[in-house]
Amino acid sequence: MHHNGTLVHKLFDAINRHDVDEILSCVDRNVEWVAGEQNYHGPDEFRKFVDFWFTAFPDARCEIKNLVCTDEYCTVEFTGTGTNSGPLNLPMGTVSPTGRHATMWFCEVYRFSNGRIVLGHTYFDMYSMLNQLGLLPKAKMAGA
């Protein structure tokens, strides 16, 4: 396995154990993380991104489906599953726990330097998550 792939597996193992310190050990002190319109700079801000998921989905687990690495980058496609039993702190406000289970597909792209992630981009389908959590209005069918 490529050395960057080994670090990605270490990261996902830490995520599944909810070991925030181990997660943070995978990123550089100058890490930049981009998730949608949110940007996180440095480990303290990146921790907020991690805490967002662990707060909203305390039983969150991730499973790597595809992983492709080069000497500088890795792209990982994975599923994330969990029950929304904690508050969901969205940019438009906090949503109370729904108690619903969700499974979402994600894609993340990492850039590495000196054996750590220096840049991460997270892509996922927010619509699918909100729909599974019952947070979107039901569409009315035409003529109904």
Protein backbone atom coordinates (compact mmCIF):
# COMPACT_ATOMS: atom_id res chain seq x y z
CA MET A 1 0.00 0.00 0.00
CA HIS A 2 1.17 3.53 -0.80
CA HIS A 3 2.49 5.40 2.28
CA ASN A 4 -0.19 8.10 1.91
CA GLY A 5 -2.83 5.36 1.76
CA THR A 6 -1.53 4.00 5.04
CA LEU A 7 -2.10 7.41 6.64
CA VAL A 8 -5.65 7.55 5.20
CA HIS A 9 -6.42 4.16 6.76
CA LYS A 10 -4.99 5.41 10.07
CA LEU A 11 -7.25 8.48 9.79
CA PHE A 12 -10.38 6.40 9.12
CA ASP A 13 -9.55 3.99 11.94
CA ALA A 14 -9.31 6.98 14.29
CA ILE A 15 -12.60 8.38 12.95
CA ASN A 16 -14.36 5.09 13.63
CA ARG A 17 -12.97 5.07 17.18
CA HIS A 18 -13.88 8.78 17.60
CA ASP A 19 -10.28 9.40 18.66
CA VAL A 20 -9.98 13.12 17.95
CA ASP A 21 -6.34 13.33 19.07
CA GLU A 22 -5.38 10.55 16.65
CA ILE A 23 -7.38 12.25 13.87
CA LEU A 24 -5.51 15.50 14.53
CA SER A 25 -2.17 13.65 14.43
CA CYS A 26 -2.86 12.94 10.73
CA VAL A 27 -3.01 16.62 9.75
CA ASP A 28 -0.29 19.23 9.51
CA ARG A 29 -0.22 22.19 11.91
CA ASN A 30 -0.98 24.41 8.91
CA VAL A 31 -3.77 22.21 7.54
CA GLU A 32 -6.48 23.83 5.44
CA TRP A 33 -9.79 21.96 5.17
CA VAL A 34 -12.58 22.97 2.81
CA ALA A 35 -16.10 21.59 3.16
CA GLY A 36 -18.65 23.34 0.97
CA GLU A 37 -18.53 27.02 1.88
CA GLN A 38 -16.75 26.36 5.17
CA ASN A 39 -12.97 26.75 5.47
CA TYR A 40 -10.98 25.51 8.44
CA HIS A 41 -7.37 26.62 9.00
CA GLY A 42 -5.12 24.81 11.44
CA PRO A 43 -5.82 21.89 13.77
CA ASP A 44 -8.03 23.86 16.19
CA GLU A 45 -10.43 24.89 13.42
CA PHE A 46 -10.27 21.44 11.80
CA ARG A 47 -11.31 20.01 15.18
CA LYS A 48 -14.54 22.05 14.84
CA PHE A 49 -15.26 20.22 11.57
CA VAL A 50 -14.67 16.85 13.26
CA ASP A 51 -16.77 17.88 16.27
CA PHE A 52 -19.64 18.92 13.96
CA TRP A 53 -20.01 15.33 12.74
CA PHE A 54 -19.41 13.61 16.09
CA THR A 55 -21.89 15.93 17.84
CA ALA A 56 -24.67 15.42 15.29
CA PHE A 57 -23.96 11.69 14.78
CA PRO A 58 -22.39 10.31 18.00
CA ASP A 59 -22.42 6.77 16.56
CA ALA A 60 -20.87 7.85 13.22
CA ARG A 61 -18.86 5.29 11.27
CA CYS A 62 -17.13 5.51 7.92
CA GLU A 63 -16.25 2.81 5.42
CA ILE A 64 -13.73 3.34 2.64
CA LYS A 65 -15.08 2.16 -0.71
CA ASN A 66 -12.33 3.41 -3.05
CA LEU A 67 -8.90 4.88 -2.39
CA VAL A 68 -6.47 6.15 -5.02
CA CYS A 69 -3.12 7.66 -4.04
CA THR A 70 -0.10 9.29 -5.64
CA ASP A 71 3.02 10.69 -4.02
CA GLU A 72 1.23 13.98 -3.29
CA TYR A 73 -2.54 13.25 -3.25
CA CYS A 74 -5.14 10.70 -2.21
CA THR A 75 -8.78 10.61 -3.19
CA VAL A 76 -11.08 8.53 -1.03
CA GLU A 77 -14.70 7.63 -1.68
CA PHE A 78 -16.53 6.41 1.42
CA THR A 79 -19.86 6.02 3.13
CA GLY A 80 -20.66 7.64 6.43
CA THR A 81 -23.48 6.25 8.57
CA GLY A 82 -24.97 7.31 11.85
CA THR A 83 -28.03 8.29 13.84
CA ASN A 84 -28.73 11.98 14.27
CA SER A 85 -29.03 11.95 18.05
CA GLY A 86 -27.22 15.23 18.65
CA PRO A 87 -27.81 18.82 17.49
CA LEU A 88 -26.97 19.53 13.87
CA ASN A 89 -25.20 22.90 13.80
CA LEU A 90 -25.81 24.15 10.26
CA PRO A 91 -24.81 27.58 8.90
CA MET A 92 -28.50 28.62 8.96
CA GLY A 93 -28.95 27.56 12.59
CA THR A 94 -29.06 24.60 14.92
CA VAL A 95 -31.48 21.76 14.21
CA SER A 96 -32.66 19.53 17.05
CA PRO A 97 -31.81 15.82 16.82
CA THR A 98 -34.18 13.89 14.57
CA GLY A 99 -33.36 10.42 15.86
CA ARG A 100 -33.14 9.24 12.25
CA HIS A 101 -30.41 7.13 10.72
CA ALA A 102 -28.61 8.34 7.59
CA THR A 103 -26.14 6.83 5.16
CA MET A 104 -24.28 9.28 2.96
CA TRP A 105 -21.66 9.03 0.25
CA PHE A 106 -18.61 11.25 0.55
CA CYS A 107 -15.55 12.00 -1.51
CA GLU A 108 -12.47 13.60 0.01
CA VAL A 109 -9.27 14.74 -1.65
CA TYR A 110 -6.13 15.12 0.45
CA ARG A 111 -2.78 16.71 -0.35
CA PHE A 112 0.20 15.49 1.68
CA SER A 113 3.47 17.01 2.75
CA ASN A 114 6.01 15.50 5.14
CA GLY A 115 3.73 12.57 5.95
CA ARG A 116 0.68 14.60 6.97
CA ILE A 117 -2.42 16.04 5.33
CA VAL A 118 -1.90 19.71 4.51
CA LEU A 119 -5.06 20.23 2.47
CA GLY A 120 -8.39 18.42 2.55
CA HIS A 121 -11.54 18.89 0.49
CA THR A 122 -14.79 17.21 1.56
CA TYR A 123 -17.63 16.70 -0.91
CA PHE A 124 -21.01 15.22 0.04
CA ASP A 125 -24.68 15.47 -0.83
CA MET A 126 -26.26 17.76 1.77
CA TYR A 127 -29.68 17.32 0.14
CA SER A 128 -29.55 13.55 0.65
CA MET A 129 -28.57 13.98 4.30
CA LEU A 130 -31.33 16.49 5.03
CA ASN A 131 -33.87 14.33 3.19
CA GLN A 132 -32.91 11.18 5.14
CA LEU A 133 -33.20 13.14 8.38
CA GLY A 134 -36.70 14.31 7.44
CA LEU A 135 -35.65 17.96 7.38
CA LEU A 136 -36.90 18.80 3.88
CA PRO A 137 -40.52 19.66 3.11
CA LYS A 138 -42.47 16.99 1.28
CA ALA A 139 -42.97 17.89 -2.35
CA LYS A 140 -46.56 18.02 -3.57
CA MET A 141 -47.23 16.17 -6.78
CA ALA A 142 -48.81 18.15 -9.59
CA GLY A 143 -52.55 17.55 -9.70
CA ALA A 144 -52.60 16.02 -6.22
